Structure formats: C-alpha cells, structure tokens
N, C-alpha and C. Protein backbone atom coordinates (compact mmCIF):
# COMPACT_ATOMS: atom_id res chain seq x y z
N MET A 1 113.69 115.41 113.48
CA MET A 1 112.66 114.88 112.79
C MET A 1 112.75 113.42 113.65
N ARG A 2 111.54 112.99 114.33
CA ARG A 2 111.46 111.78 114.98
C ARG A 2 110.88 110.55 114.28
N LEU A 3 111.50 109.52 114.47
CA LEU A 3 110.87 108.44 113.87
C LEU A 3 109.41 107.86 114.59
N PRO A 4 108.45 107.37 113.96
CA PRO A 4 107.30 106.88 114.57
C PRO A 4 107.95 105.79 115.25
N VAL A 5 107.23 105.27 116.49
CA VAL A 5 107.66 104.26 117.26
C VAL A 5 107.89 103.00 116.56
N SER A 6 106.89 102.57 115.54
CA SER A 6 106.87 101.17 114.72
C SER A 6 108.06 101.39 113.95
N SER A 7 108.35 102.55 113.35
CA SER A 7 109.56 102.55 112.64
C SER A 7 111.03 102.39 113.26
N GLY A 8 111.02 103.10 114.35
CA GLY A 8 112.30 102.72 115.24
C GLY A 8 112.57 101.06 115.68
N ALA A 9 111.41 100.56 115.67
CA ALA A 9 111.43 99.24 115.93
C ALA A 9 112.02 98.22 114.49
N ALA A 10 111.33 98.79 113.56
CA ALA A 10 111.87 98.23 112.21
C ALA A 10 113.43 98.58 111.83
N PHE A 11 113.68 99.78 112.20
CA PHE A 11 115.37 100.09 111.94
C PHE A 11 115.98 99.27 112.72
N ARG A 12 115.56 98.86 113.92
CA ARG A 12 116.50 97.94 114.99
C ARG A 12 116.40 96.90 114.42
N ALA A 13 115.27 96.16 113.85
CA ALA A 13 115.29 94.82 113.65
C ALA A 13 116.08 94.57 112.27
N LEU A 14 115.85 95.58 111.58
CA LEU A 14 116.63 95.64 110.00
C LEU A 14 118.09 96.03 110.12
N ALA A 15 118.74 96.21 111.50
CA ALA A 15 119.96 96.42 111.66
C ALA A 15 121.07 95.10 111.48
N ASP A 16 120.32 94.03 111.63
CA ASP A 16 120.89 92.68 111.61
C ASP A 16 120.90 92.10 109.98
N ASP A 17 121.96 91.60 109.73
CA ASP A 17 122.30 91.11 108.43
C ASP A 17 121.41 89.90 108.14
N THR A 18 121.23 89.10 109.16
CA THR A 18 120.54 88.08 108.81
C THR A 18 119.03 88.08 108.76
N ARG A 19 118.67 89.12 109.51
CA ARG A 19 117.06 89.50 109.40
C ARG A 19 116.57 90.18 108.30
N ARG A 20 117.87 90.96 107.64
CA ARG A 20 117.52 91.53 106.43
C ARG A 20 117.52 90.37 105.24
N ALA A 21 118.35 89.33 105.51
CA ALA A 21 118.28 88.27 104.60
C ALA A 21 117.07 87.38 104.61
N ILE A 22 116.47 87.40 105.95
CA ILE A 22 115.21 86.69 106.04
C ILE A 22 114.14 87.50 105.37
N ILE A 23 114.10 88.74 105.53
CA ILE A 23 112.99 89.65 104.96
C ILE A 23 113.32 89.32 103.34
N GLU A 24 114.43 89.47 102.67
CA GLU A 24 114.50 89.04 101.32
C GLU A 24 113.97 87.85 100.96
N THR A 25 114.14 86.70 101.85
CA THR A 25 113.86 85.41 101.38
C THR A 25 112.17 85.28 101.27
N ILE A 26 111.62 85.93 102.25
CA ILE A 26 110.15 85.79 102.47
C ILE A 26 109.18 87.08 101.63
N ALA A 27 110.06 87.73 101.05
CA ALA A 27 109.53 88.79 100.14
C ALA A 27 108.66 88.20 99.06
N ALA A 28 109.29 87.44 98.21
CA ALA A 28 108.33 86.76 97.13
C ALA A 28 107.14 85.89 97.71
N ARG A 29 107.29 85.13 98.69
CA ARG A 29 106.29 84.36 98.93
C ARG A 29 106.56 84.02 100.62
N PRO A 30 105.31 83.72 101.18
CA PRO A 30 105.22 83.28 102.69
C PRO A 30 106.06 81.86 102.60
N LEU A 31 106.65 81.67 103.67
CA LEU A 31 107.51 80.22 103.81
C LEU A 31 107.23 79.92 105.37
N PRO A 32 107.07 78.44 105.30
CA PRO A 32 107.24 77.83 106.93
C PRO A 32 108.66 78.14 107.55
N VAL A 33 108.57 78.22 108.67
CA VAL A 33 109.74 78.19 109.40
C VAL A 33 110.99 77.34 108.95
N HIS A 34 110.58 76.00 108.73
CA HIS A 34 111.76 74.96 108.20
C HIS A 34 112.24 75.54 106.98
N GLU A 35 111.50 76.02 106.00
CA GLU A 35 111.96 76.40 104.61
C GLU A 35 113.09 77.50 104.79
N ILE A 36 112.55 78.68 105.91
CA ILE A 36 113.25 79.60 105.84
C ILE A 36 114.75 79.14 106.53
N ALA A 37 114.46 78.26 107.54
CA ALA A 37 115.98 77.83 108.26
C ALA A 37 116.82 77.19 107.39
N GLU A 38 116.37 76.31 106.32
CA GLU A 38 117.08 75.59 105.55
C GLU A 38 118.08 76.55 104.69
N ARG A 39 117.84 77.64 104.53
CA ARG A 39 118.46 78.81 103.76
C ARG A 39 119.31 79.42 104.16
N PHE A 40 119.59 79.02 105.85
CA PHE A 40 120.58 79.72 106.61
C PHE A 40 121.39 78.72 107.20
N ALA A 41 122.85 79.22 107.45
CA ALA A 41 123.66 78.44 108.12
C ALA A 41 124.02 78.70 109.63
N ILE A 42 122.48 78.91 110.27
CA ILE A 42 122.46 78.94 111.66
C ILE A 42 121.30 77.89 112.11
N SER A 43 121.13 77.66 113.28
CA SER A 43 120.00 76.46 114.09
C SER A 43 118.82 77.23 113.64
N ARG A 44 117.85 76.37 113.72
CA ARG A 44 116.38 76.62 113.57
C ARG A 44 115.86 77.59 114.77
N PRO A 45 116.36 77.36 115.94
CA PRO A 45 115.83 78.19 117.03
C PRO A 45 116.59 79.43 116.70
N ALA A 46 117.85 79.61 116.09
CA ALA A 46 118.25 81.21 115.92
C ALA A 46 117.48 81.82 114.92
N VAL A 47 116.96 81.07 113.75
CA VAL A 47 116.14 81.54 112.97
C VAL A 47 114.89 81.89 113.46
N SER A 48 114.32 81.15 114.23
CA SER A 48 113.12 81.57 115.02
C SER A 48 113.09 82.67 116.05
N LYS A 49 114.25 83.06 116.60
CA LYS A 49 114.50 83.97 117.31
C LYS A 49 114.61 85.28 116.52
N HIS A 50 115.26 85.33 115.22
CA HIS A 50 114.99 86.42 114.35
C HIS A 50 113.89 86.71 113.95
N LEU A 51 113.11 85.72 113.69
CA LEU A 51 111.72 85.78 112.99
C LEU A 51 110.81 86.52 114.29
N ARG A 52 110.88 86.04 115.55
CA ARG A 52 110.24 86.66 116.62
C ARG A 52 110.54 88.14 116.76
N ILE A 53 111.85 88.71 116.51
CA ILE A 53 112.19 89.83 116.56
C ILE A 53 111.62 90.76 115.27
N LEU A 54 111.60 90.28 114.16
CA LEU A 54 110.91 90.76 112.94
C LEU A 54 109.45 90.93 113.36
N ALA A 55 108.84 89.94 113.74
CA ALA A 55 107.31 90.15 114.05
C ALA A 55 107.15 90.96 115.33
N GLU A 56 108.02 91.40 116.10
CA GLU A 56 107.72 92.37 117.24
C GLU A 56 107.93 93.74 116.42
N ALA A 57 108.59 93.94 115.53
CA ALA A 57 108.81 95.09 114.95
C ALA A 57 107.82 95.11 113.73
N GLY A 58 106.75 94.18 113.69
CA GLY A 58 105.63 94.20 112.62
C GLY A 58 106.18 94.11 111.33
N LEU A 59 107.42 93.55 110.99
CA LEU A 59 107.94 93.39 109.57
C LEU A 59 107.19 92.14 109.03
N VAL A 60 107.18 91.02 109.82
CA VAL A 60 106.54 89.84 109.58
C VAL A 60 105.19 89.49 110.39
N ARG A 61 104.19 88.51 109.64
CA ARG A 61 103.33 87.96 110.20
C ARG A 61 103.50 86.72 110.12
N ALA A 62 102.82 85.71 111.10
CA ALA A 62 102.91 84.53 111.17
C ALA A 62 101.60 83.96 110.98
N ASP A 63 101.26 82.99 110.26
CA ASP A 63 99.97 82.43 110.08
C ASP A 63 100.25 80.64 110.47
N ARG A 64 99.20 80.27 111.37
CA ARG A 64 99.48 78.95 111.81
C ARG A 64 98.89 78.04 110.67
N ARG A 65 99.65 77.13 109.90
CA ARG A 65 99.16 76.18 109.13
C ARG A 65 99.23 75.05 109.64
N GLY A 66 98.44 74.20 110.12
CA GLY A 66 98.44 72.90 110.67
C GLY A 66 99.46 72.98 111.95
N LYS A 67 100.79 72.23 111.74
CA LYS A 67 101.65 72.42 112.93
C LYS A 67 102.73 73.46 112.73
N GLU A 68 102.89 74.14 111.48
CA GLU A 68 103.85 75.00 111.22
C GLU A 68 103.31 76.71 111.40
N ASN A 69 104.21 77.58 111.58
CA ASN A 69 104.01 79.00 111.35
C ASN A 69 104.51 79.03 110.06
N VAL A 70 103.78 79.83 109.48
CA VAL A 70 104.11 80.30 107.84
C VAL A 70 104.43 81.87 108.06
N TYR A 71 105.57 82.26 107.71
CA TYR A 71 105.72 83.84 107.72
C TYR A 71 105.65 84.59 106.39
N ALA A 72 105.18 85.64 106.59
CA ALA A 72 104.90 86.48 105.31
C ALA A 72 105.19 87.83 105.57
N LEU A 73 105.93 88.65 104.70
CA LEU A 73 106.32 89.92 104.92
C LEU A 73 105.20 90.75 104.95
N ASP A 74 105.24 91.74 106.00
CA ASP A 74 103.98 92.81 106.16
C ASP A 74 105.00 94.10 105.77
N PRO A 75 104.65 94.63 104.42
CA PRO A 75 105.45 95.90 103.94
C PRO A 75 105.05 97.14 104.89
N ARG A 76 104.21 97.13 105.36
CA ARG A 76 103.76 98.69 106.05
C ARG A 76 104.80 99.17 106.86
N PRO A 77 105.70 98.78 107.91
CA PRO A 77 106.65 99.16 108.52
C PRO A 77 107.72 99.60 107.53
N LEU A 78 108.13 98.99 106.39
CA LEU A 78 109.10 99.24 105.37
C LEU A 78 108.89 100.51 104.63
N ALA A 79 107.40 100.52 104.55
CA ALA A 79 106.93 101.93 103.78
C ALA A 79 107.11 103.10 104.89
N GLU A 80 107.13 102.67 106.33
CA GLU A 80 107.34 104.00 107.03
C GLU A 80 108.69 104.34 107.11
N VAL A 81 109.80 103.19 107.13
CA VAL A 81 110.98 103.53 107.05
C VAL A 81 111.44 104.26 105.76
N ARG A 82 110.74 103.81 104.76
CA ARG A 82 111.20 104.63 103.37
C ARG A 82 110.72 105.91 103.67
N GLU A 83 109.60 106.32 104.07
CA GLU A 83 109.10 107.66 104.00
C GLU A 83 110.04 108.36 105.10
N TRP A 84 110.41 107.96 106.00
CA TRP A 84 111.39 108.40 106.97
C TRP A 84 112.80 108.78 106.36
N ILE A 85 113.24 107.87 105.74
CA ILE A 85 114.49 108.18 104.87
C ILE A 85 114.20 109.08 103.99
N GLU A 86 113.41 109.16 102.96
CA GLU A 86 113.20 110.19 101.92
C GLU A 86 113.10 111.61 102.78
N LEU A 87 112.27 111.47 103.82
CA LEU A 87 112.18 113.02 104.43
C LEU A 87 113.76 113.33 104.97
N TYR A 88 114.13 112.55 105.65
CA TYR A 88 115.56 112.73 106.17
C TYR A 88 116.47 113.42 105.22
N TRP A 89 116.70 112.53 103.84
CA TRP A 89 117.66 113.01 102.96
C TRP A 89 117.06 114.09 102.15
N ALA A 90 115.78 114.44 101.94
CA ALA A 90 115.34 115.68 101.36
C ALA A 90 115.71 116.93 102.05
N GLY A 91 115.64 116.79 103.51
CA GLY A 91 116.24 117.75 104.31
C GLY A 91 117.57 118.06 104.32
N ARG A 92 118.22 116.94 104.29
CA ARG A 92 119.87 117.06 104.16
C ARG A 92 120.28 117.58 102.82
N LEU A 93 119.50 117.21 101.78
CA LEU A 93 120.12 117.62 100.56
C LEU A 93 119.53 119.02 100.20
N ALA A 94 118.62 119.67 100.70
CA ALA A 94 118.20 120.80 100.74
C ALA A 94 119.15 121.71 101.64
N THR A 95 119.75 121.26 102.58
CA THR A 95 120.75 122.07 103.42
C THR A 95 122.01 121.90 102.63
N LEU A 96 122.47 120.98 102.16
CA LEU A 96 123.52 120.93 101.23
C LEU A 96 123.57 121.94 100.04
N LYS A 97 122.26 122.04 99.32
CA LYS A 97 122.17 122.66 98.09
C LYS A 97 122.32 124.35 98.57
N ASP A 98 121.60 124.31 99.98
CA ASP A 98 121.63 126.13 100.12
C ASP A 98 123.25 126.43 100.54
N LEU A 99 123.67 125.45 101.29
CA LEU A 99 125.42 125.64 101.61
C LEU A 99 126.25 125.82 100.30
N ALA A 100 125.89 125.16 99.49
CA ALA A 100 126.57 125.03 97.94
C ALA A 100 126.34 126.36 97.35
N GLU A 101 125.00 126.76 97.37
CA GLU A 101 124.79 128.12 96.59
C GLU A 101 125.38 129.24 97.39
N ARG A 102 125.44 129.38 98.61
CA ARG A 102 125.91 130.43 99.42
C ARG A 102 127.21 130.66 99.19
N LYS A 103 127.92 129.59 98.68
CA LYS A 103 129.66 129.95 98.68
C LYS A 103 129.99 130.19 97.16
N HIS A 104 128.83 130.39 96.43
CA HIS A 104 129.06 131.07 94.91
C HIS A 104 128.72 132.53 94.88
C-alpha cells in the first residue's frame, strides 16, 4: 500500500514535535505568525520555517492580512493520513486475526 504523494509530505511534516504542536495551536482558530511564535521557546524565524514546511505539505494555509500572514489548519491532508492509517491497520489487524485463528 503506497501513500498518496500529499500524504507522504504530510507524514514527513508531522514527524517533527514542534510542527505537530503548531498544528495543535492553530487547530482551534487561525493565528498570525507572531502569536504562534509567542507560544514556543524558539525564534520567530524558526517558527516561520516550520510553518513553511507545513504549508508545503498542505497542512496549513497562509492568508495575508495587512502586514501579517495568518495561518490556518487545512484538515484535508490529515484526513488522507487518517485514511491511510486506518487502511494500514485494518490490513495488519486482519492478518493478525488470521494468524491467531490458525493456531487454534
């Protein structure tokens, strides 16, 4: 079972703790970069780099409001990730069930 291209990028982006925390931070509502950066013990340029990676994976989108970019979660790639995980585990659990039933 192969990942859709967009899901592979999402998995790579979500592999980082800080990026997952950023996703959690903006899940409730869109936030400007400075408000996101205030919540982390890293520099604003580092937060911007993480946001760029998340945006390239399609997990967040930026809207320009005045002088700031406001970032919002785009849940579509997360749905693809969830679907892949469900399919992956469904197959693995079915195999495990078959193995367990054969031993009896």
